């Protein structure tokens, strides 16, 4: 049995499927890996960096949140009342 014609047919079908995927991808505005726009798209390199002002803003906001919830003086913290246990009849 000669498998070359089968292999040729499968490769042709794969090519048609890839073209169909690329066509459908271009209809909804997304860029697929097979479109030229995806190949030519510049890659973003390096790490994202935060400015000093951005770090300061986040730091101040975090400190304010902690100050409101954790660092209250003892007399201002909510005191939980003692829990009342339910009465259960003895067996």
Protein backbone atom coordinates (compact mmCIF):
# COMPACT_ATOMS: atom_id res chain seq x y z
CA UNK A 1 0.00 0.00 0.00
CA UNK A 2 1.41 3.35 -1.04
CA UNK A 3 0.92 6.06 1.61
CA UNK A 4 2.34 8.96 -0.39
CA UNK A 5 -1.01 9.94 -1.96
CA UNK A 6 -2.68 9.76 1.45
CA UNK A 7 0.03 11.96 2.95
CA UNK A 8 -0.28 14.46 0.10
CA UNK A 9 -4.08 14.63 0.55
CA UNK A 10 -3.71 15.16 4.32
CA UNK A 11 -1.20 17.96 3.82
CA UNK A 12 -3.50 19.66 1.31
CA UNK A 13 -6.41 19.36 3.74
CA UNK A 14 -4.27 20.78 6.56
CA UNK A 15 -3.38 23.73 4.33
CA UNK A 16 -7.08 24.36 3.60
CA UNK A 17 -7.94 24.16 7.32
CA UNK A 18 -5.17 26.64 8.21
CA UNK A 19 -6.44 29.05 5.57
CA UNK A 20 -10.00 28.71 6.88
CA UNK A 21 -8.83 29.39 10.45
CA UNK A 22 -6.93 32.47 9.31
CA UNK A 23 -9.96 33.74 7.38
CA UNK A 24 -12.29 33.24 10.35
CA UNK A 25 -9.81 34.88 12.69
CA UNK A 26 -9.62 37.96 10.50
CA UNK A 27 -13.42 38.31 10.50
CA UNK A 28 -13.67 38.93 14.24
CA UNK A 29 -10.70 41.30 14.33
CA UNK A 30 -8.32 39.04 16.20
CA UNK A 31 -4.84 38.43 14.96
CA UNK A 32 -3.82 34.81 14.58
CA UNK A 33 -0.30 33.44 14.45
CA UNK A 34 -0.61 32.80 10.72
CA UNK A 35 -1.52 36.34 9.71
CA UNK A 36 1.25 38.71 8.65
CA UNK A 37 0.23 41.21 11.33
CA UNK A 38 0.99 38.67 14.06
CA UNK A 39 4.36 37.85 12.58
CA UNK A 40 5.34 41.51 12.22
CA UNK A 41 3.97 42.58 15.62
CA UNK A 42 6.74 43.89 17.86
CA UNK A 43 7.39 41.91 20.97
CA UNK A 44 7.31 43.76 24.26
CA UNK A 45 10.58 43.21 26.00
CA UNK A 46 11.77 43.61 29.53
CA UNK A 47 9.93 44.01 32.76
CA UNK A 48 7.29 46.56 33.50
CA UNK A 49 8.59 49.29 35.70
CA UNK A 50 6.70 51.43 38.13
CA UNK A 51 7.53 55.07 38.61
CA UNK A 52 8.56 56.39 42.00
CA UNK A 53 5.33 58.40 42.17
CA UNK A 54 3.29 55.27 41.48
CA UNK A 55 5.11 53.34 44.20
CA UNK A 56 4.54 56.18 46.66
CA UNK A 57 0.82 56.35 45.83
CA UNK A 58 0.40 52.62 46.37
CA UNK A 59 2.43 52.73 49.57
CA UNK A 60 0.34 55.54 51.03
CA UNK A 61 -2.91 53.83 50.11
CA UNK A 62 -1.74 50.56 51.69
CA UNK A 63 -0.64 52.32 54.86
CA UNK A 64 -4.01 54.08 55.09
CA UNK A 65 -5.87 50.78 54.73
CA UNK A 66 -3.74 49.17 57.44
CA UNK A 67 -4.18 52.17 59.71
CA UNK A 68 -7.94 51.88 59.47
CA UNK A 69 -8.15 48.17 60.12
CA UNK A 70 -5.12 46.91 62.05
CA UNK A 71 -3.33 49.65 63.94
CA UNK A 72 -6.18 50.96 66.08
CA UNK A 73 -5.42 51.78 69.69
CA UNK A 74 -6.61 49.15 72.14
CA UNK A 75 -9.48 51.27 73.48
CA UNK A 76 -10.90 51.79 69.96
CA UNK A 77 -10.83 48.17 68.87
CA UNK A 78 -14.15 46.42 68.87
CA UNK A 79 -14.53 44.11 71.80
CA UNK A 80 -16.31 40.91 70.92
CA UNK A 81 -18.93 40.04 73.52
CA UNK A 82 -18.51 36.62 75.12
CA UNK A 83 -20.22 33.91 73.14
CA UNK A 84 -23.32 32.38 74.58
CA UNK A 85 -23.43 28.62 74.28
CA UNK A 86 -26.76 27.10 73.37
CA UNK A 87 -28.53 25.18 76.12
CA UNK A 88 -28.63 21.51 75.34
CA UNK A 89 -30.71 19.07 77.33
CA UNK A 90 -28.72 16.27 78.92
CA UNK A 91 -29.54 12.81 77.58
